Amino acid sequence: MKDILQVFGAVMAVLIAIEIFINIRLYLGSNVIPVQLVIATALMAIARKVIVLDLALVSAEQIVGIGITALALGICYWLVQQKT
C-alpha cells in the first residue's frame, strides 16, 4: 500500500510540475499572472500533501495547519472564480 502511495505521489508531483510550467509559459506570453491557475496549482499541491501524508510522523498542529491552508485556498479560488 505504501508503494502505491509513493507512486501516486510521484505522479502528482509530475502533474504539479507541468502546471507550474504552464503557469510560467502563460506569464511569459502575456505578462499577466494567471491567478486562478496559480491557486489551482497550490490546491493540487496541498491535495498531494494530504494524500501522501504519513499520520504517524506528523503532529496535530501540522494537520490543522494543512487543513486551514486547504480551506483558505479553496475560499480564495471560489472568490477569484466569482469575480470572473
PDB file of N, CA and C in Angstrom:
ATOM      1  N   MET A   1       0.822  -1.198   0.000  1.00  0.00           N
ATOM      2  CA  MET A   1       0.000   0.000   0.000  1.00  0.00           C
ATOM      3  C   MET A   1       0.866   1.263   0.000  1.00  0.00           C
ATOM      4  N   LYS A   2       1.969   1.190   0.765  1.00  0.00           N
ATOM      5  CA  LYS A   2       2.850   2.348   0.832  1.00  0.00           C
ATOM      6  C   LYS A   2       3.503   2.629  -0.523  1.00  0.00           C
ATOM      7  N   ASP A   3       3.822   1.566  -1.266  1.00  0.00           N
ATOM      8  CA  ASP A   3       4.422   1.742  -2.593  1.00  0.00           C
ATOM      9  C   ASP A   3       3.457   2.433  -3.549  1.00  0.00           C
ATOM     10  N   ILE A   4       2.189   2.074  -3.461  1.00  0.00           N
ATOM     11  CA  ILE A   4       1.185   2.690  -4.324  1.00  0.00           C
ATOM     12  C   ILE A   4       1.071   4.177  -4.020  1.00  0.00           C
ATOM     13  N   LEU A   5       1.092   4.532  -2.733  1.00  0.00           N
ATOM     14  CA  LEU A   5       1.020   5.946  -2.365  1.00  0.00           C
ATOM     15  C   LEU A   5       2.252   6.705  -2.839  1.00  0.00           C
ATOM     16  N   GLN A   6       3.413   6.081  -2.791  1.00  0.00           N
ATOM     17  CA  GLN A   6       4.626   6.739  -3.270  1.00  0.00           C
ATOM     18  C   GLN A   6       4.569   6.971  -4.779  1.00  0.00           C
ATOM     19  N   VAL A   7       4.093   5.978  -5.509  1.00  0.00           N
ATOM     20  CA  VAL A   7       3.968   6.130  -6.966  1.00  0.00           C
ATOM     21  C   VAL A   7       2.943   7.209  -7.291  1.00  0.00           C
ATOM     22  N   PHE A   8       1.814   7.191  -6.602  1.00  0.00           N
ATOM     23  CA  PHE A   8       0.785   8.193  -6.843  1.00  0.00           C
ATOM     24  C   PHE A   8       1.301   9.586  -6.490  1.00  0.00           C
ATOM     25  N   GLY A   9       2.053   9.699  -5.406  1.00  0.00           N
ATOM     26  CA  GLY A   9       2.646  10.978  -5.031  1.00  0.00           C
ATOM     27  C   GLY A   9       3.624  11.475  -6.073  1.00  0.00           C
ATOM     28  N   ALA A  10       4.407  10.563  -6.645  1.00  0.00           N
ATOM     29  CA  ALA A  10       5.356  10.952  -7.698  1.00  0.00           C
ATOM     30  C   ALA A  10       4.619  11.410  -8.949  1.00  0.00           C
ATOM     31  N   VAL A  11       3.544  10.717  -9.312  1.00  0.00           N
ATOM     32  CA  VAL A  11       2.754  11.113 -10.479  1.00  0.00           C
ATOM     33  C   VAL A  11       2.143  12.491 -10.252  1.00  0.00           C
ATOM     34  N   MET A  12       1.633  12.727  -9.068  1.00  0.00           N
ATOM     35  CA  MET A  12       1.051  14.042  -8.763  1.00  0.00           C
ATOM     36  C   MET A  12       2.124  15.127  -8.766  1.00  0.00           C
ATOM     37  N   ALA A  13       3.329  14.804  -8.314  1.00  0.00           N
ATOM     38  CA  ALA A  13       4.418  15.785  -8.353  1.00  0.00           C
ATOM     39  C   ALA A  13       4.740  16.170  -9.791  1.00  0.00           C
ATOM     40  N   VAL A  14       4.705  15.198 -10.697  1.00  0.00           N
ATOM     41  CA  VAL A  14       4.942  15.491 -12.114  1.00  0.00           C
ATOM     42  C   VAL A  14       3.825  16.379 -12.656  1.00  0.00           C
ATOM     43  N   LEU A  15       2.587  16.085 -12.298  1.00  0.00           N
ATOM     44  CA  LEU A  15       1.459  16.917 -12.748  1.00  0.00           C
ATOM     45  C   LEU A  15       1.580  18.346 -12.219  1.00  0.00           C
ATOM     46  N   ILE A  16       2.005  18.494 -10.974  1.00  0.00           N
ATOM     47  CA  ILE A  16       2.189  19.825 -10.402  1.00  0.00           C
ATOM     48  C   ILE A  16       3.299  20.562 -11.144  1.00  0.00           C
ATOM     49  N   ALA A  17       4.381  19.853 -11.470  1.00  0.00           N
ATOM     50  CA  ALA A  17       5.475  20.476 -12.224  1.00  0.00           C
ATOM     51  C   ALA A  17       4.994  20.936 -13.599  1.00  0.00           C
ATOM     52  N   ILE A  18       4.154  20.144 -14.245  1.00  0.00           N
ATOM     53  CA  ILE A  18       3.602  20.537 -15.547  1.00  0.00           C
ATOM     54  C   ILE A  18       2.728  21.777 -15.396  1.00  0.00           C
ATOM     55  N   GLU A  19       1.927  21.831 -14.344  1.00  0.00           N
ATOM     56  CA  GLU A  19       1.081  23.009 -14.097  1.00  0.00           C
ATOM     57  C   GLU A  19       1.929  24.253 -13.865  1.00  0.00           C
ATOM     58  N   ILE A  20       3.016  24.108 -13.120  1.00  0.00           N
ATOM     59  CA  ILE A  20       3.895  25.247 -12.879  1.00  0.00           C
ATOM     60  C   ILE A  20       4.521  25.711 -14.196  1.00  0.00           C
ATOM     61  N   PHE A  21       4.922  24.767 -15.038  1.00  0.00           N
ATOM     62  CA  PHE A  21       5.474  25.114 -16.349  1.00  0.00           C
ATOM     63  C   PHE A  21       4.448  25.873 -17.181  1.00  0.00           C
ATOM     64  N   ILE A  22       3.192  25.430 -17.147  1.00  0.00           N
ATOM     65  CA  ILE A  22       2.129  26.124 -17.875  1.00  0.00           C
ATOM     66  C   ILE A  22       1.935  27.535 -17.318  1.00  0.00           C
ATOM     67  N   ASN A  23       1.983  27.671 -15.984  1.00  0.00           N
ATOM     68  CA  ASN A  23       1.862  29.000 -15.371  1.00  0.00           C
ATOM     69  C   ASN A  23       2.956  29.931 -15.861  1.00  0.00           C
ATOM     70  N   ILE A  24       4.184  29.434 -15.889  1.00  0.00           N
ATOM     71  CA  ILE A  24       5.307  30.262 -16.334  1.00  0.00           C
ATOM     72  C   ILE A  24       5.152  30.635 -17.800  1.00  0.00           C
ATOM     73  N   ARG A  25       4.743  29.663 -18.612  1.00  0.00           N
ATOM     74  CA  ARG A  25       4.567  29.934 -20.038  1.00  0.00           C
ATOM     75  C   ARG A  25       3.468  30.968 -20.285  1.00  0.00           C
ATOM     76  N   LEU A  26       2.370  30.864 -19.548  1.00  0.00           N
ATOM     77  CA  LEU A  26       1.297  31.850 -19.691  1.00  0.00           C
ATOM     78  C   LEU A  26       1.760  33.234 -19.257  1.00  0.00           C
ATOM     79  N   TYR A  27       2.535  33.283 -18.176  1.00  0.00           N
ATOM     80  CA  TYR A  27       3.019  34.571 -17.698  1.00  0.00           C
ATOM     81  C   TYR A  27       3.970  35.212 -18.707  1.00  0.00           C
ATOM     82  N   LEU A  28       4.886  34.424 -19.238  1.00  0.00           N
ATOM     83  CA  LEU A  28       5.844  34.977 -20.200  1.00  0.00           C
ATOM     84  C   LEU A  28       5.166  35.384 -21.501  1.00  0.00           C
ATOM     85  N   GLY A  29       4.076  34.718 -21.862  1.00  0.00           N
ATOM     86  CA  GLY A  29       3.379  35.046 -23.089  1.00  0.00           C
ATOM     87  C   GLY A  29       2.511  36.284 -22.996  1.00  0.00           C
ATOM     88  N   SER A  30       2.003  36.588 -21.799  1.00  0.00           N
ATOM     89  CA  SER A  30       1.067  37.703 -21.696  1.00  0.00           C
ATOM     90  C   SER A  30       1.434  38.729 -20.630  1.00  0.00           C
ATOM     91  N   ASN A  31       2.453  38.460 -19.820  1.00  0.00           N
ATOM     92  CA  ASN A  31       2.855  39.337 -18.716  1.00  0.00           C
ATOM     93  C   ASN A  31       1.725  39.584 -17.717  1.00  0.00           C
ATOM     94  N   VAL A  32       0.785  38.663 -17.642  1.00  0.00           N
ATOM     95  CA  VAL A  32      -0.299  38.710 -16.670  1.00  0.00           C
ATOM     96  C   VAL A  32      -0.244  37.411 -15.877  1.00  0.00           C
ATOM     97  N   ILE A  33      -0.261  37.519 -14.562  1.00  0.00           N
ATOM     98  CA  ILE A  33      -0.195  36.318 -13.734  1.00  0.00           C
ATOM     99  C   ILE A  33      -1.580  35.670 -13.717  1.00  0.00           C
ATOM    100  N   PRO A  34      -1.686  34.399 -14.147  1.00  0.00           N
ATOM    101  CA  PRO A  34      -2.987  33.702 -14.125  1.00  0.00           C
ATOM    102  C   PRO A  34      -3.317  33.245 -12.699  1.00  0.00           C
ATOM    103  N   VAL A  35      -3.944  34.123 -11.937  1.00  0.00           N
ATOM    104  CA  VAL A  35      -4.167  33.901 -10.511  1.00  0.00           C
ATOM    105  C   VAL A  35      -4.963  32.632 -10.260  1.00  0.00           C
ATOM    106  N   GLN A  36      -6.012  32.416 -11.021  1.00  0.00           N
ATOM    107  CA  GLN A  36      -6.849  31.238 -10.787  1.00  0.00           C
ATOM    108  C   GLN A  36      -6.063  29.951 -11.022  1.00  0.00           C
ATOM    109  N   LEU A  37      -5.219  29.931 -12.015  1.00  0.00           N
ATOM    110  CA  LEU A  37      -4.410  28.752 -12.294  1.00  0.00           C
ATOM    111  C   LEU A  37      -3.349  28.536 -11.223  1.00  0.00           C
ATOM    112  N   VAL A  38      -2.796  29.612 -10.706  1.00  0.00           N
ATOM    113  CA  VAL A  38      -1.809  29.506  -9.627  1.00  0.00           C
ATOM    114  C   VAL A  38      -2.452  28.947  -8.360  1.00  0.00           C
ATOM    115  N   ILE A  39      -3.640  29.418  -8.044  1.00  0.00           N
ATOM    116  CA  ILE A  39      -4.346  28.917  -6.862  1.00  0.00           C
ATOM    117  C   ILE A  39      -4.726  27.449  -7.056  1.00  0.00           C
ATOM    118  N   ALA A  40      -5.156  27.093  -8.254  1.00  0.00           N
ATOM    119  CA  ALA A  40      -5.492  25.688  -8.530  1.00  0.00           C
ATOM    120  C   ALA A  40      -4.259  24.795  -8.396  1.00  0.00           C
ATOM    121  N   THR A  41      -3.108  25.279  -8.813  1.00  0.00           N
ATOM    122  CA  THR A  41      -1.870  24.519  -8.659  1.00  0.00           C
ATOM    123  C   THR A  41      -1.534  24.346  -7.182  1.00  0.00           C
ATOM    124  N   ALA A  42      -1.716  25.391  -6.402  1.00  0.00           N
ATOM    125  CA  ALA A  42      -1.470  25.302  -4.963  1.00  0.00           C
ATOM    126  C   ALA A  42      -2.433  24.318  -4.305  1.00  0.00           C
ATOM    127  N   LEU A  43      -3.688  24.318  -4.741  1.00  0.00           N
ATOM    128  CA  LEU A  43      -4.653  23.346  -4.211  1.00  0.00           C
ATOM    129  C   LEU A  43      -4.239  21.915  -4.554  1.00  0.00           C
ATOM    130  N   MET A  44      -3.714  21.719  -5.751  1.00  0.00           N
ATOM    131  CA  MET A  44      -3.261  20.393  -6.146  1.00  0.00           C
ATOM    132  C   MET A  44      -2.064  19.959  -5.288  1.00  0.00           C
ATOM    133  N   ALA A  45      -1.188  20.898  -4.988  1.00  0.00           N
ATOM    134  CA  ALA A  45      -0.036  20.583  -4.147  1.00  0.00           C
ATOM    135  C   ALA A  45      -0.472  20.216  -2.729  1.00  0.00           C
ATOM    136  N   ILE A  46      -1.440  20.929  -2.192  1.00  0.00           N
ATOM    137  CA  ILE A  46      -1.961  20.601  -0.857  1.00  0.00           C
ATOM    138  C   ILE A  46      -2.645  19.241  -0.881  1.00  0.00           C
ATOM    139  N   ALA A  47      -3.402  18.962  -1.941  1.00  0.00           N
ATOM    140  CA  ALA A  47      -4.062  17.657  -2.060  1.00  0.00           C
ATOM    141  C   ALA A  47      -3.034  16.533  -2.107  1.00  0.00           C
ATOM    142  N   ARG A  48      -1.933  16.751  -2.837  1.00  0.00           N
ATOM    143  CA  ARG A  48      -0.867  15.750  -2.890  1.00  0.00           C
ATOM    144  C   ARG A  48      -0.292  15.528  -1.496  1.00  0.00           C
ATOM    145  N   LYS A  49      -0.087  16.613  -0.758  1.00  0.00           N
ATOM    146  CA  LYS A  49       0.464  16.509   0.590  1.00  0.00           C
ATOM    147  C   LYS A  49      -0.457  15.703   1.490  1.00  0.00           C
ATOM    148  N   VAL A  50      -1.750  15.929   1.381  1.00  0.00           N
ATOM    149  CA  VAL A  50      -2.712  15.195   2.209  1.00  0.00           C
ATOM    150  C   VAL A  50      -2.731  13.720   1.827  1.00  0.00           C
ATOM    151  N   ILE A  51      -2.641  13.419   0.551  1.00  0.00           N
ATOM    152  CA  ILE A  51      -2.702  12.028   0.103  1.00  0.00           C
ATOM    153  C   ILE A  51      -1.492  11.230   0.561  1.00  0.00           C
ATOM    154  N   VAL A  52      -0.309  11.818   0.474  1.00  0.00           N
ATOM    155  CA  VAL A  52       0.903  11.070   0.827  1.00  0.00           C
ATOM    156  C   VAL A  52       1.327  11.285   2.273  1.00  0.00           C
ATOM    157  N   LEU A  53       0.513  11.952   3.058  1.00  0.00           N
ATOM    158  CA  LEU A  53       0.831  12.260   4.446  1.00  0.00           C
ATOM    159  C   LEU A  53       0.880  10.992   5.291  1.00  0.00           C
ATOM    160  N   ASP A  54       1.943  10.846   6.049  1.00  0.00           N
ATOM    161  CA  ASP A  54       2.066   9.721   6.980  1.00  0.00           C
ATOM    162  C   ASP A  54       1.638  10.226   8.355  1.00  0.00           C
ATOM    163  N   LEU A  55       0.467   9.812   8.792  1.00  0.00           N
ATOM    164  CA  LEU A  55      -0.108  10.337  10.026  1.00  0.00           C
ATOM    165  C   LEU A  55       0.704   9.978  11.262  1.00  0.00           C
ATOM    166  N   ALA A  56       1.566   8.966  11.168  1.00  0.00           N
ATOM    167  CA  ALA A  56       2.396   8.586  12.311  1.00  0.00           C
ATOM    168  C   ALA A  56       3.530   9.589  12.537  1.00  0.00           C
ATOM    169  N   LEU A  57       3.867  10.379  11.531  1.00  0.00           N
ATOM    170  CA  LEU A  57       5.022  11.277  11.628  1.00  0.00           C
ATOM    171  C   LEU A  57       4.668  12.740  11.829  1.00  0.00           C
ATOM    172  N   VAL A  58       3.397  13.091  11.770  1.00  0.00           N
ATOM    173  CA  VAL A  58       3.015  14.494  11.885  1.00  0.00           C
ATOM    174  C   VAL A  58       2.247  14.746  13.169  1.00  0.00           C
ATOM    175  N   SER A  59       2.305  15.986  13.626  1.00  0.00           N
ATOM    176  CA  SER A  59       1.586  16.358  14.838  1.00  0.00           C
ATOM    177  C   SER A  59       0.201  16.889  14.476  1.00  0.00           C
ATOM    178  N   ALA A  60      -0.605  17.053  15.506  1.00  0.00           N
ATOM    179  CA  ALA A  60      -1.966  17.562  15.309  1.00  0.00           C
ATOM    180  C   ALA A  60      -1.930  18.993  14.783  1.00  0.00           C
ATOM    181  N   GLU A  61      -0.948  19.777  15.229  1.00  0.00           N
ATOM    182  CA  GLU A  61      -0.846  21.159  14.767  1.00  0.00           C
ATOM    183  C   GLU A  61      -0.554  21.218  13.273  1.00  0.00           C
ATOM    184  N   GLN A  62       0.273  20.309  12.782  1.00  0.00           N
ATOM    185  CA  GLN A  62       0.574  20.286  11.352  1.00  0.00           C
ATOM    186  C   GLN A  62      -0.656  19.902  10.539  1.00  0.00           C
ATOM    187  N   ILE A  63      -1.442  18.967  11.025  1.00  0.00           N
ATOM    188  CA  ILE A  63      -2.661  18.560  10.327  1.00  0.00           C
ATOM    189  C   ILE A  63      -3.663  19.716  10.295  1.00  0.00           C
ATOM    190  N   VAL A  64      -3.803  20.414  11.411  1.00  0.00           N
ATOM    191  CA  VAL A  64      -4.699  21.574  11.455  1.00  0.00           C
ATOM    192  C   VAL A  64      -4.198  22.660  10.502  1.00  0.00           C
ATOM    193  N   GLY A  65      -2.891  22.875  10.458  1.00  0.00           N
ATOM    194  CA  GLY A  65      -2.320  23.869   9.552  1.00  0.00           C
ATOM    195  C   GLY A  65      -2.580  23.537   8.095  1.00  0.00           C
ATOM    196  N   ILE A  66      -2.433  22.269   7.731  1.00  0.00           N
ATOM    197  CA  ILE A  66      -2.714  21.847   6.362  1.00  0.00           C
ATOM    198  C   ILE A  66      -4.195  22.035   6.040  1.00  0.00           C
ATOM    199  N   GLY A  67      -5.053  21.717   7.000  1.00  0.00           N
ATOM    200  CA  GLY A  67      -6.491  21.899   6.794  1.00  0.00           C
ATOM    201  C   GLY A  67      -6.872  23.356   6.616  1.00  0.00           C
ATOM    202  N   ILE A  68      -6.292  24.228   7.439  1.00  0.00           N
ATOM    203  CA  ILE A  68      -6.577  25.661   7.319  1.00  0.00           C
ATOM    204  C   ILE A  68      -6.063  26.198   5.989  1.00  0.00           C
ATOM    205  N   THR A  69      -4.883  25.730   5.576  1.00  0.00           N
ATOM    206  CA  THR A  69      -4.327  26.159   4.293  1.00  0.00           C
ATOM    207  C   THR A  69      -5.225  25.733   3.132  1.00  0.00           C
ATOM    208  N   ALA A  70      -5.692  24.487   3.177  1.00  0.00           N
ATOM    209  CA  ALA A  70      -6.572  23.990   2.119  1.00  0.00           C
ATOM    210  C   ALA A  70      -7.885  24.775   2.092  1.00  0.00           C
ATOM    211  N   LEU A  71      -8.427  25.059   3.255  1.00  0.00           N
ATOM    212  CA  LEU A  71      -9.670  25.834   3.335  1.00  0.00           C
ATOM    213  C   LEU A  71      -9.471  27.254   2.806  1.00  0.00           C
ATOM    214  N   ALA A  72      -8.366  27.880   3.187  1.00  0.00           N
ATOM    215  CA  ALA A  72      -8.097  29.241   2.720  1.00  0.00           C
ATOM    216  C   ALA A  72      -7.902  29.276   1.205  1.00  0.00           C
ATOM    217  N   LEU A  73      -7.185  28.306   0.664  1.00  0.00           N
ATOM    218  CA  LEU A  73      -7.002  28.260  -0.790  1.00  0.00           C
ATOM    219  C   LEU A  73      -8.321  27.987  -1.502  1.00  0.00           C
ATOM    220  N   GLY A  74      -9.158  27.134  -0.926  1.00  0.00           N
ATOM    221  CA  GLY A  74     -10.462  26.862  -1.517  1.00  0.00           C
ATOM    222  C   GLY A  74     -11.339  28.094  -1.553  1.00  0.00           C
ATOM    223  N   ILE A  75     -11.349  28.844  -0.464  1.00  0.00           N
ATOM    224  CA  ILE A  75     -12.133  30.080  -0.412  1.00  0.00           C
ATOM    225  C   ILE A  75     -11.574  31.097  -1.397  1.00  0.00           C
ATOM    226  N   CYS A  76     -10.259  31.194  -1.450  1.00  0.00           N
ATOM    227  CA  CYS A  76      -9.613  32.127  -2.381  1.00  0.00           C
ATOM    228  C   CYS A  76      -9.957  31.765  -3.828  1.00  0.00           C
ATOM    229  N   TYR A  77      -9.909  30.478  -4.160  1.00  0.00           N
ATOM    230  CA  TYR A  77     -10.251  30.041  -5.512  1.00  0.00           C
ATOM    231  C   TYR A  77     -11.700  30.385  -5.834  1.00  0.00           C
ATOM    232  N   TRP A  78     -12.591  30.143  -4.886  1.00  0.00           N
ATOM    233  CA  TRP A  78     -14.007  30.441  -5.091  1.00  0.00           C
ATOM    234  C   TRP A  78     -14.225  31.943  -5.308  1.00  0.00           C
ATOM    235  N   LEU A  79     -13.542  32.771  -4.512  1.00  0.00           N
ATOM    236  CA  LEU A  79     -13.683  34.214  -4.663  1.00  0.00           C
ATOM    237  C   LEU A  79     -13.163  34.703  -6.009  1.00  0.00           C
ATOM    238  N   VAL A  80     -12.038  34.155  -6.441  1.00  0.00           N
ATOM    239  CA  VAL A  80     -11.487  34.556  -7.741  1.00  0.00           C
ATOM    240  C   VAL A  80     -12.418  34.117  -8.868  1.00  0.00           C
ATOM    241  N   GLN A  81     -13.009  32.938  -8.727  1.00  0.00           N
ATOM    242  CA  GLN A  81     -13.920  32.446  -9.759  1.00  0.00           C
ATOM    243  C   GLN A  81     -15.205  33.275  -9.785  1.00  0.00           C
ATOM    244  N   GLN A  82     -15.664  33.736  -8.636  1.00  0.00           N
ATOM    245  CA  GLN A  82     -16.873  34.558  -8.594  1.00  0.00           C
ATOM    246  C   GLN A  82     -16.637  35.914  -9.241  1.00  0.00           C
ATOM    247  N   LYS A  83     -15.399  36.404  -9.159  1.00  0.00           N
ATOM    248  CA  LYS A  83     -15.081  37.701  -9.745  1.00  0.00           C
ATOM    249  C   LYS A  83     -15.096  37.656 -11.273  1.00  0.00           C
ATOM    250  N   THR A  84     -14.700  36.512 -11.854  1.00  0.00           N
ATOM    251  CA  THR A  84     -14.622  36.426 -13.315  1.00  0.00           C
ATOM    252  C   THR A  84     -15.930  36.018 -13.927  1.00  0.00           C
TER     253      THR A  84
END
